[in-house]
Amino acid sequence: MARTPKSALSLLLVSSFILGAMVSLCSSCPTSCETEIVWTLYARQIGKGDNRNQEQAVPPVNNITKFGEIVVNNWAVLDAPVPTANIVAHARGTHMMAGDWFTSLSIVFEGARFNGSTLQVMGITDAQGQWAIVGGTGELARADGTIKHKIVPPTPTTSINENYRQLDIHAFYSPPAVNANFIADV
């Protein structure tokens, strides 16, 4: 079926309008709309003792399989796998035994760079694996990506009641828009 010059012209006009709208949306940010972050941090998990940072909230239905157990956590997130490292965030949330340990948490950052911003994370927590970053707030708004995690082998300074989980964060986020003076438009 042959197109008439009039329908071809209409198609061309509509296509250029759509393309122009897409370019306009992409160039509406004064700076890059999406930022990548690649960062290695360490969650300090302490299961027993006076300094524990996780606690059983609901006992298991079955003591052998631990099915139904729910544990709440407030793990310190550090810049190195040692007790004296700088705390950059806390991983607050729950993990529950549902065949595997399913984890849902907010990583709440503190300090100068991302103070008060969060990453929303969920996934299976085995000795190693991967969590999904399903959102973020503050400077890390609209974050998405993954966190590869694994238990770090203990060192002589590691207590028997703790372990360190290496968190290899790879995410993209949309920081708040900034004006020509690089000041956030709130």
N, C-alpha and C. Protein backbone atom coordinates (compact mmCIF):
# COMPACT_ATOMS: atom_id res chain seq x y z
N MET A 1 0.85 -1.17 0.00
CA MET A 1 0.00 0.00 0.00
C MET A 1 0.90 1.24 0.00
N ALA A 2 0.74 2.07 -0.98
CA ALA A 2 1.56 3.27 -1.13
C ALA A 2 1.05 4.38 -0.22
N ARG A 3 1.97 5.13 0.35
CA ARG A 3 1.60 6.26 1.20
C ARG A 3 1.52 7.51 0.34
N THR A 4 0.59 8.34 0.68
CA THR A 4 0.47 9.61 -0.02
C THR A 4 1.45 10.59 0.59
N PRO A 5 1.87 11.58 -0.15
CA PRO A 5 2.79 12.57 0.43
C PRO A 5 2.22 13.24 1.68
N LYS A 6 0.91 13.41 1.74
CA LYS A 6 0.28 14.05 2.90
C LYS A 6 0.44 13.18 4.15
N SER A 7 0.22 11.85 4.06
CA SER A 7 0.35 10.97 5.23
C SER A 7 1.81 10.84 5.66
N ALA A 8 2.72 10.85 4.68
CA ALA A 8 4.15 10.79 5.02
C ALA A 8 4.58 12.05 5.76
N LEU A 9 4.07 13.19 5.33
CA LEU A 9 4.39 14.45 5.99
C LEU A 9 3.83 14.46 7.41
N SER A 10 2.62 13.95 7.59
CA SER A 10 2.01 13.87 8.93
C SER A 10 2.83 12.98 9.84
N LEU A 11 3.27 11.83 9.32
CA LEU A 11 4.09 10.91 10.11
C LEU A 11 5.40 11.57 10.50
N LEU A 12 6.01 12.29 9.59
CA LEU A 12 7.26 12.98 9.87
C LEU A 12 7.07 14.06 10.93
N LEU A 13 6.00 14.82 10.87
CA LEU A 13 5.73 15.86 11.87
C LEU A 13 5.49 15.27 13.25
N VAL A 14 4.69 14.20 13.32
CA VAL A 14 4.41 13.55 14.60
C VAL A 14 5.70 12.98 15.19
N SER A 15 6.51 12.32 14.35
CA SER A 15 7.78 11.74 14.82
C SER A 15 8.71 12.81 15.36
N SER A 16 8.82 13.94 14.65
CA SER A 16 9.72 15.00 15.12
C SER A 16 9.21 15.62 16.41
N PHE A 17 7.88 15.70 16.58
CA PHE A 17 7.31 16.23 17.83
C PHE A 17 7.66 15.31 19.00
N ILE A 18 7.51 13.99 18.81
CA ILE A 18 7.81 13.03 19.88
C ILE A 18 9.29 13.06 20.21
N LEU A 19 10.15 13.07 19.19
CA LEU A 19 11.59 13.12 19.42
C LEU A 19 11.98 14.41 20.13
N GLY A 20 11.39 15.52 19.74
CA GLY A 20 11.67 16.81 20.40
C GLY A 20 11.26 16.80 21.85
N ALA A 21 10.13 16.18 22.17
CA ALA A 21 9.67 16.08 23.56
C ALA A 21 10.63 15.23 24.38
N MET A 22 11.12 14.13 23.79
CA MET A 22 12.05 13.26 24.51
C MET A 22 13.37 13.99 24.78
N VAL A 23 13.89 14.71 23.80
CA VAL A 23 15.13 15.46 23.99
C VAL A 23 14.92 16.53 25.05
N SER A 24 13.78 17.19 25.03
CA SER A 24 13.49 18.22 26.02
C SER A 24 13.47 17.65 27.43
N LEU A 25 12.87 16.45 27.61
CA LEU A 25 12.84 15.82 28.93
C LEU A 25 14.24 15.47 29.39
N CYS A 26 15.05 14.92 28.50
CA CYS A 26 16.40 14.51 28.88
C CYS A 26 17.30 15.69 29.18
N SER A 27 17.08 16.82 28.53
CA SER A 27 17.95 17.96 28.77
C SER A 27 17.39 18.91 29.82
N SER A 28 16.32 18.49 30.53
CA SER A 28 15.73 19.39 31.52
C SER A 28 16.55 19.47 32.80
N CYS A 29 17.44 18.51 33.04
CA CYS A 29 18.29 18.57 34.22
C CYS A 29 19.48 19.48 33.92
N PRO A 30 19.78 20.43 34.80
CA PRO A 30 20.92 21.29 34.58
C PRO A 30 22.24 20.53 34.61
N THR A 31 22.27 19.41 35.34
CA THR A 31 23.45 18.54 35.35
C THR A 31 22.95 17.16 34.98
N SER A 32 23.83 16.18 34.97
CA SER A 32 23.45 14.83 34.62
C SER A 32 22.31 14.34 35.50
N CYS A 33 21.31 13.75 34.90
CA CYS A 33 20.12 13.31 35.64
C CYS A 33 20.36 12.06 36.45
N GLU A 34 21.33 11.24 36.06
CA GLU A 34 21.55 9.98 36.76
C GLU A 34 23.02 9.87 37.11
N THR A 35 23.29 9.42 38.33
CA THR A 35 24.65 9.30 38.82
C THR A 35 24.89 7.85 39.23
N GLU A 36 26.07 7.36 38.96
CA GLU A 36 26.44 5.99 39.31
C GLU A 36 27.27 6.01 40.58
N ILE A 37 27.06 5.01 41.41
CA ILE A 37 27.89 4.85 42.61
C ILE A 37 28.38 3.40 42.66
N VAL A 38 29.67 3.25 42.90
CA VAL A 38 30.30 1.94 43.10
C VAL A 38 31.07 2.08 44.40
N TRP A 39 30.69 1.30 45.41
CA TRP A 39 31.22 1.52 46.75
C TRP A 39 31.29 0.19 47.48
N THR A 40 32.35 -0.05 48.22
CA THR A 40 32.45 -1.24 49.06
C THR A 40 32.40 -0.80 50.52
N LEU A 41 31.43 -1.35 51.24
CA LEU A 41 31.26 -1.08 52.67
C LEU A 41 31.13 -2.42 53.38
N TYR A 42 31.01 -2.39 54.72
CA TYR A 42 30.98 -3.61 55.51
C TYR A 42 29.91 -3.50 56.59
N ALA A 43 28.98 -4.45 56.61
CA ALA A 43 27.97 -4.50 57.65
C ALA A 43 28.52 -5.32 58.81
N ARG A 44 28.48 -4.76 60.00
CA ARG A 44 28.95 -5.46 61.19
C ARG A 44 27.74 -6.08 61.87
N GLN A 45 27.69 -7.41 61.88
CA GLN A 45 26.57 -8.15 62.45
C GLN A 45 27.01 -8.78 63.77
N ILE A 46 26.33 -8.39 64.84
CA ILE A 46 26.65 -8.94 66.17
C ILE A 46 25.40 -9.63 66.69
N GLY A 47 25.47 -10.96 66.82
CA GLY A 47 24.29 -11.74 67.17
C GLY A 47 24.08 -11.98 68.65
N LYS A 48 25.12 -11.86 69.46
CA LYS A 48 25.00 -12.16 70.89
C LYS A 48 25.82 -11.15 71.69
N GLY A 49 25.50 -11.05 72.97
CA GLY A 49 26.26 -10.19 73.86
C GLY A 49 25.63 -8.83 74.05
N ASP A 50 26.28 -8.03 74.89
CA ASP A 50 25.75 -6.71 75.23
C ASP A 50 25.70 -5.75 74.04
N ASN A 51 26.56 -5.94 73.06
CA ASN A 51 26.61 -5.03 71.90
C ASN A 51 25.86 -5.57 70.69
N ARG A 52 25.01 -6.57 70.87
CA ARG A 52 24.33 -7.16 69.71
C ARG A 52 23.50 -6.11 68.99
N ASN A 53 23.43 -6.27 67.67
CA ASN A 53 22.68 -5.32 66.86
C ASN A 53 21.63 -6.02 66.00
N GLN A 54 21.24 -7.20 66.45
CA GLN A 54 20.10 -7.91 65.87
C GLN A 54 19.46 -8.73 66.97
N GLU A 55 18.15 -8.89 66.89
CA GLU A 55 17.41 -9.56 67.96
C GLU A 55 16.24 -10.32 67.38
N GLN A 56 16.04 -11.53 67.87
CA GLN A 56 14.88 -12.32 67.44
C GLN A 56 13.60 -11.62 67.92
N ALA A 57 12.69 -11.33 67.00
CA ALA A 57 11.42 -10.69 67.33
C ALA A 57 10.29 -11.71 67.39
N VAL A 58 10.36 -12.73 66.53
CA VAL A 58 9.35 -13.79 66.50
C VAL A 58 10.09 -15.12 66.47
N PRO A 59 9.81 -16.00 67.44
CA PRO A 59 10.50 -17.29 67.44
C PRO A 59 10.03 -18.16 66.27
N PRO A 60 10.85 -19.13 65.89
CA PRO A 60 10.48 -19.98 64.76
C PRO A 60 9.29 -20.89 65.09
N VAL A 61 8.55 -21.24 64.07
CA VAL A 61 7.45 -22.21 64.20
C VAL A 61 8.05 -23.59 64.38
N ASN A 62 9.17 -23.85 63.71
CA ASN A 62 9.86 -25.14 63.76
C ASN A 62 11.31 -24.88 64.14
N ASN A 63 11.73 -25.37 65.30
CA ASN A 63 13.09 -25.10 65.79
C ASN A 63 14.18 -25.75 64.93
N ILE A 64 13.85 -26.79 64.20
CA ILE A 64 14.86 -27.46 63.37
C ILE A 64 15.11 -26.65 62.09
N THR A 65 14.06 -26.26 61.39
CA THR A 65 14.21 -25.53 60.13
C THR A 65 14.29 -24.02 60.33
N LYS A 66 13.93 -23.53 61.52
CA LYS A 66 13.85 -22.09 61.84
C LYS A 66 12.75 -21.37 61.05
N PHE A 67 11.89 -22.12 60.35
CA PHE A 67 10.83 -21.52 59.54
C PHE A 67 9.97 -20.59 60.39
N GLY A 68 9.74 -19.39 59.89
CA GLY A 68 8.89 -18.41 60.57
C GLY A 68 9.63 -17.48 61.51
N GLU A 69 10.91 -17.72 61.76
CA GLU A 69 11.66 -16.84 62.65
C GLU A 69 11.85 -15.47 62.00
N ILE A 70 11.64 -14.41 62.78
CA ILE A 70 11.86 -13.04 62.31
C ILE A 70 12.86 -12.37 63.24
N VAL A 71 13.88 -11.79 62.64
CA VAL A 71 14.93 -11.11 63.38
C VAL A 71 14.98 -9.66 62.90
N VAL A 72 15.03 -8.72 63.84
CA VAL A 72 15.20 -7.31 63.49
C VAL A 72 16.67 -6.95 63.63
N ASN A 73 17.12 -6.03 62.79
CA ASN A 73 18.53 -5.67 62.84
C ASN A 73 18.74 -4.17 62.69
N ASN A 74 19.86 -3.74 63.27
CA ASN A 74 20.35 -2.37 63.14
C ASN A 74 21.88 -2.47 63.02
N TRP A 75 22.32 -3.07 61.90
CA TRP A 75 23.74 -3.32 61.70
C TRP A 75 24.49 -2.02 61.40
N ALA A 76 25.60 -1.81 62.03
CA ALA A 76 26.48 -0.69 61.67
C ALA A 76 27.09 -1.01 60.31
N VAL A 77 27.14 -0.01 59.44
CA VAL A 77 27.78 -0.16 58.13
C VAL A 77 29.05 0.69 58.17
N LEU A 78 30.19 0.03 57.97
CA LEU A 78 31.50 0.63 58.17
C LEU A 78 32.29 0.75 56.87
N ASP A 79 33.35 1.55 56.90
CA ASP A 79 34.20 1.69 55.71
C ASP A 79 35.35 0.68 55.69
N ALA A 80 35.44 -0.19 56.70
CA ALA A 80 36.45 -1.26 56.75
C ALA A 80 35.92 -2.36 57.67
N PRO A 81 36.40 -3.59 57.51
CA PRO A 81 35.88 -4.70 58.32
C PRO A 81 36.58 -4.86 59.67
N VAL A 82 36.61 -3.76 60.44
CA VAL A 82 37.21 -3.78 61.78
C VAL A 82 36.32 -2.95 62.71
N PRO A 83 36.28 -3.28 64.01
CA PRO A 83 35.40 -2.56 64.93
C PRO A 83 35.67 -1.06 65.05
N THR A 84 36.91 -0.65 64.78
CA THR A 84 37.27 0.76 64.93
C THR A 84 37.06 1.59 63.65
N ALA A 85 36.51 0.97 62.61
CA ALA A 85 36.29 1.68 61.34
C ALA A 85 35.21 2.75 61.50
N ASN A 86 35.17 3.66 60.54
CA ASN A 86 34.16 4.73 60.55
C ASN A 86 32.79 4.18 60.20
N ILE A 87 31.78 4.57 60.97
CA ILE A 87 30.40 4.21 60.66
C ILE A 87 29.89 5.20 59.61
N VAL A 88 29.44 4.68 58.47
CA VAL A 88 28.91 5.54 57.41
C VAL A 88 27.39 5.40 57.27
N ALA A 89 26.84 4.34 57.87
CA ALA A 89 25.39 4.10 57.76
C ALA A 89 24.98 3.04 58.77
N HIS A 90 23.67 2.81 58.85
CA HIS A 90 23.11 1.68 59.58
C HIS A 90 22.14 0.95 58.67
N ALA A 91 22.20 -0.38 58.68
CA ALA A 91 21.27 -1.20 57.91
C ALA A 91 20.17 -1.64 58.86
N ARG A 92 19.00 -1.02 58.73
CA ARG A 92 17.88 -1.26 59.66
C ARG A 92 16.76 -1.98 58.94
N GLY A 93 16.30 -3.07 59.55
CA GLY A 93 15.21 -3.81 58.93
C GLY A 93 15.00 -5.15 59.58
N THR A 94 14.57 -6.10 58.78
CA THR A 94 14.28 -7.44 59.28
C THR A 94 14.85 -8.48 58.32
N HIS A 95 15.05 -9.66 58.87
CA HIS A 95 15.26 -10.83 58.02
C HIS A 95 14.44 -11.96 58.63
N MET A 96 13.83 -12.73 57.74
CA MET A 96 12.95 -13.80 58.21
C MET A 96 13.24 -15.09 57.45
N MET A 97 13.09 -16.20 58.19
CA MET A 97 13.34 -17.50 57.59
C MET A 97 12.08 -17.99 56.90
N ALA A 98 12.17 -18.08 55.58
CA ALA A 98 11.05 -18.56 54.76
C ALA A 98 11.63 -19.52 53.72
N GLY A 99 12.35 -20.54 54.20
CA GLY A 99 13.08 -21.43 53.32
C GLY A 99 14.53 -20.98 53.20
N ASP A 100 14.73 -19.68 53.02
CA ASP A 100 16.02 -18.98 53.07
C ASP A 100 15.79 -17.75 53.93
N TRP A 101 16.86 -17.07 54.33
CA TRP A 101 16.72 -15.82 55.06
C TRP A 101 16.40 -14.72 54.06
N PHE A 102 15.17 -14.22 54.09
CA PHE A 102 14.76 -13.10 53.26
C PHE A 102 14.99 -11.82 54.06
N THR A 103 15.66 -10.84 53.45
CA THR A 103 16.02 -9.61 54.13
C THR A 103 15.37 -8.42 53.46
N SER A 104 14.83 -7.51 54.26
CA SER A 104 14.30 -6.23 53.78
C SER A 104 14.82 -5.17 54.73
N LEU A 105 15.56 -4.19 54.18
CA LEU A 105 16.14 -3.18 55.06
C LEU A 105 16.33 -1.86 54.36
N SER A 106 16.52 -0.84 55.19
CA SER A 106 16.90 0.50 54.73
C SER A 106 18.32 0.74 55.21
N ILE A 107 19.18 1.11 54.29
CA ILE A 107 20.52 1.54 54.67
C ILE A 107 20.44 3.05 54.82
N VAL A 108 20.56 3.52 56.06
CA VAL A 108 20.40 4.93 56.40
C VAL A 108 21.79 5.53 56.59
N PHE A 109 22.17 6.45 55.69
CA PHE A 109 23.52 7.01 55.71
C PHE A 109 23.63 8.17 56.70
N GLU A 110 24.84 8.31 57.24
CA GLU A 110 25.16 9.43 58.12
C GLU A 110 26.50 9.99 57.71
N GLY A 111 26.80 11.18 58.15
CA GLY A 111 28.05 11.81 57.75
C GLY A 111 27.83 12.83 56.66
N ALA A 112 28.92 13.39 56.16
CA ALA A 112 28.84 14.54 55.26
C ALA A 112 28.22 14.23 53.90
N ARG A 113 28.60 13.14 53.26
CA ARG A 113 28.22 12.96 51.86
C ARG A 113 26.75 12.66 51.64
N PHE A 114 26.20 11.65 52.28
CA PHE A 114 24.82 11.23 52.03
C PHE A 114 23.95 11.31 53.28
N ASN A 115 24.28 12.16 54.23
CA ASN A 115 23.60 12.23 55.53
C ASN A 115 22.08 12.22 55.37
N GLY A 116 21.42 11.22 56.00
CA GLY A 116 19.96 11.11 55.98
C GLY A 116 19.40 10.42 54.76
N SER A 117 20.19 10.22 53.72
CA SER A 117 19.72 9.52 52.52
C SER A 117 19.64 8.03 52.81
N THR A 118 18.81 7.32 52.05
CA THR A 118 18.65 5.89 52.26
C THR A 118 18.72 5.12 50.95
N LEU A 119 19.08 3.85 51.06
CA LEU A 119 18.90 2.86 50.01
C LEU A 119 17.94 1.83 50.54
N GLN A 120 16.92 1.49 49.77
CA GLN A 120 15.95 0.46 50.15
C GLN A 120 16.40 -0.84 49.48
N VAL A 121 16.59 -1.89 50.29
CA VAL A 121 17.25 -3.11 49.83
C VAL A 121 16.43 -4.33 50.22
N MET A 122 16.42 -5.34 49.35
CA MET A 122 15.78 -6.61 49.71
C MET A 122 16.41 -7.76 48.93
N GLY A 123 16.31 -8.95 49.52
CA GLY A 123 16.82 -10.14 48.85
C GLY A 123 17.12 -11.25 49.84
N ILE A 124 17.73 -12.31 49.34
CA ILE A 124 18.08 -13.48 50.15
C ILE A 124 19.45 -13.25 50.79
N THR A 125 19.57 -13.62 52.06
CA THR A 125 20.81 -13.43 52.80
C THR A 125 21.39 -14.78 53.18
N ASP A 126 22.24 -15.31 52.32
CA ASP A 126 23.04 -16.48 52.63
C ASP A 126 24.44 -15.99 52.97
N ALA A 127 25.42 -16.89 53.06
CA ALA A 127 26.79 -16.47 53.33
C ALA A 127 27.28 -15.52 52.25
N GLN A 128 26.79 -15.70 51.02
CA GLN A 128 27.07 -14.75 49.95
C GLN A 128 25.89 -14.76 48.99
N GLY A 129 25.72 -13.64 48.30
CA GLY A 129 24.61 -13.52 47.37
C GLY A 129 24.49 -12.10 46.88
N GLN A 130 23.26 -11.75 46.50
CA GLN A 130 23.02 -10.44 45.94
C GLN A 130 21.66 -9.93 46.40
N TRP A 131 21.62 -8.66 46.76
CA TRP A 131 20.38 -7.99 47.11
C TRP A 131 20.03 -7.00 46.00
N ALA A 132 18.75 -6.71 45.87
CA ALA A 132 18.29 -5.70 44.93
C ALA A 132 18.15 -4.37 45.65
N ILE A 133 18.62 -3.30 45.03
CA ILE A 133 18.34 -1.94 45.51
C ILE A 133 17.08 -1.52 44.77
N VAL A 134 16.00 -1.33 45.52
CA VAL A 134 14.69 -1.07 44.90
C VAL A 134 14.22 0.37 45.07
N GLY A 135 15.06 1.21 45.64
CA GLY A 135 14.70 2.61 45.79
C GLY A 135 15.69 3.32 46.68
N GLY A 136 15.45 4.62 46.83
CA GLY A 136 16.30 5.43 47.68
C GLY A 136 15.64 6.76 47.95
N THR A 137 16.18 7.48 48.92
CA THR A 137 15.63 8.78 49.28
C THR A 137 16.77 9.78 49.42
N GLY A 138 16.41 11.06 49.53
CA GLY A 138 17.40 12.12 49.72
C GLY A 138 18.30 12.23 48.52
N GLU A 139 19.60 12.34 48.75
CA GLU A 139 20.58 12.44 47.67
C GLU A 139 20.54 11.19 46.78
N LEU A 140 20.11 10.06 47.33
CA LEU A 140 20.06 8.79 46.60
C LEU A 140 18.67 8.49 46.04
N ALA A 141 17.90 9.54 45.76
CA ALA A 141 16.53 9.38 45.27
C ALA A 141 16.48 8.50 44.03
N ARG A 142 15.44 7.68 43.99
CA ARG A 142 15.15 6.81 42.85
C ARG A 142 16.29 5.85 42.53
N ALA A 143 17.00 5.39 43.55
CA ALA A 143 18.13 4.48 43.34
C ALA A 143 17.65 3.12 42.85
N ASP A 144 18.46 2.52 42.01
CA ASP A 144 18.25 1.13 41.63
C ASP A 144 19.62 0.52 41.35
N GLY A 145 19.72 -0.77 41.57
CA GLY A 145 20.99 -1.45 41.37
C GLY A 145 21.05 -2.72 42.19
N THR A 146 22.26 -3.12 42.54
CA THR A 146 22.44 -4.36 43.30
C THR A 146 23.53 -4.16 44.35
N ILE A 147 23.48 -5.03 45.35
CA ILE A 147 24.55 -5.12 46.33
C ILE A 147 24.96 -6.59 46.39
N LYS A 148 26.18 -6.87 45.95
CA LYS A 148 26.73 -8.22 46.13
C LYS A 148 27.26 -8.26 47.55
N HIS A 149 26.92 -9.32 48.27
CA HIS A 149 27.36 -9.41 49.67
C HIS A 149 27.97 -10.77 49.95
N LYS A 150 28.93 -10.75 50.87
CA LYS A 150 29.56 -12.00 51.31
C LYS A 150 30.17 -11.80 52.68
N ILE A 151 30.24 -12.88 53.43
CA ILE A 151 30.86 -12.86 54.75
C ILE A 151 32.38 -12.80 54.56
N VAL A 152 33.01 -11.86 55.25
CA VAL A 152 34.47 -11.72 55.20
C VAL A 152 35.07 -12.71 56.20
N PRO A 153 36.15 -13.41 55.84
CA PRO A 153 36.78 -14.32 56.81
C PRO A 153 37.19 -13.56 58.07
N PRO A 154 37.01 -14.18 59.25
CA PRO A 154 37.35 -13.50 60.50
C PRO A 154 38.84 -13.20 60.60
N THR A 155 39.13 -12.14 61.33
CA THR A 155 40.52 -11.77 61.62
C THR A 155 40.76 -12.01 63.11
N PRO A 156 42.00 -11.85 63.59
CA PRO A 156 42.25 -12.03 65.02
C PRO A 156 41.45 -11.06 65.90
N THR A 157 41.03 -9.91 65.34
CA THR A 157 40.27 -8.95 66.14
C THR A 157 38.75 -9.20 66.09
N THR A 158 38.30 -10.15 65.27
CA THR A 158 36.87 -10.44 65.16
C THR A 158 36.40 -11.25 66.35
N SER A 159 35.38 -10.77 67.02
CA SER A 159 34.79 -11.47 68.16
C SER A 159 34.05 -12.71 67.67
N ILE A 160 33.87 -13.69 68.55
CA ILE A 160 33.15 -14.91 68.21
C ILE A 160 31.67 -14.63 67.93
N ASN A 161 31.14 -13.53 68.46
CA ASN A 161 29.72 -13.21 68.31
C ASN A 161 29.42 -12.31 67.11
N GLU A 162 30.41 -12.00 66.29
CA GLU A 162 30.18 -11.07 65.19
C GLU A 162 30.73 -11.60 63.88
N ASN A 163 30.24 -10.99 62.79
CA ASN A 163 30.87 -11.19 61.49
C ASN A 163 30.73 -9.90 60.69
N TYR A 164 31.52 -9.82 59.66
CA TYR A 164 31.47 -8.66 58.76
C TYR A 164 31.01 -9.15 57.40
N ARG A 165 30.03 -8.46 56.86
CA ARG A 165 29.50 -8.78 55.54
C ARG A 165 29.94 -7.68 54.58
N GLN A 166 30.75 -8.06 53.59
CA GLN A 166 31.20 -7.10 52.59
C GLN A 166 30.03 -6.78 51.67
N LEU A 167 29.79 -5.48 51.46
CA LEU A 167 28.70 -5.00 50.62
C LEU A 167 29.30 -4.27 49.42
N ASP A 168 29.25 -4.89 48.26
CA ASP A 168 29.73 -4.26 47.03
C ASP A 168 28.52 -3.63 46.35
N ILE A 169 28.39 -2.31 46.53
CA ILE A 169 27.23 -1.56 46.06
C ILE A 169 27.49 -1.04 44.65
N HIS A 170 26.55 -1.31 43.76
CA HIS A 170 26.60 -0.74 42.41
C HIS A 170 25.18 -0.25 42.11
N ALA A 171 25.04 1.08 42.04
CA ALA A 171 23.71 1.66 41.88
C ALA A 171 23.74 2.90 41.02
N PHE A 172 22.57 3.24 40.52
CA PHE A 172 22.34 4.50 39.82
C PHE A 172 21.26 5.23 40.60
N TYR A 173 21.38 6.55 40.70
CA TYR A 173 20.39 7.34 41.41
C TYR A 173 20.26 8.70 40.74
N SER A 174 19.19 9.39 41.08
CA SER A 174 18.94 10.72 40.53
C SER A 174 19.04 11.74 41.65
N PRO A 175 20.17 12.43 41.77
CA PRO A 175 20.31 13.42 42.84
C PRO A 175 19.33 14.57 42.61
N PRO A 176 19.04 15.32 43.67
CA PRO A 176 18.14 16.46 43.51
C PRO A 176 18.65 17.39 42.41
N ALA A 177 17.73 18.02 41.70
CA ALA A 177 18.11 18.96 40.64
C ALA A 177 18.90 20.11 41.24
N VAL A 178 19.85 20.60 40.49
CA VAL A 178 20.64 21.74 40.93
C VAL A 178 20.49 22.87 39.93
N ASN A 179 20.60 24.10 40.40
CA ASN A 179 20.50 25.23 39.50
C ASN A 179 21.88 25.57 38.92
N ALA A 180 21.99 26.66 38.20
CA ALA A 180 23.24 27.05 37.54
C ALA A 180 24.37 27.29 38.54
N ASN A 181 24.05 27.57 39.81
CA ASN A 181 25.07 27.78 40.84
C ASN A 181 25.39 26.50 41.60
N PHE A 182 24.89 25.36 41.09
CA PHE A 182 25.07 24.04 41.69
C PHE A 182 24.51 23.96 43.10
N ILE A 183 23.37 24.62 43.31
CA ILE A 183 22.64 24.57 44.58
C ILE A 183 21.36 23.79 44.33
N ALA A 184 21.07 22.83 45.21
CA ALA A 184 19.89 21.98 45.02
C ALA A 184 18.61 22.81 45.06
N ASP A 185 17.74 22.56 44.08
CA ASP A 185 16.41 23.15 44.07
C ASP A 185 15.50 22.22 44.87
N VAL A 186 15.06 22.67 46.02
CA VAL A 186 14.26 21.82 46.89
C VAL A 186 12.79 22.15 46.74
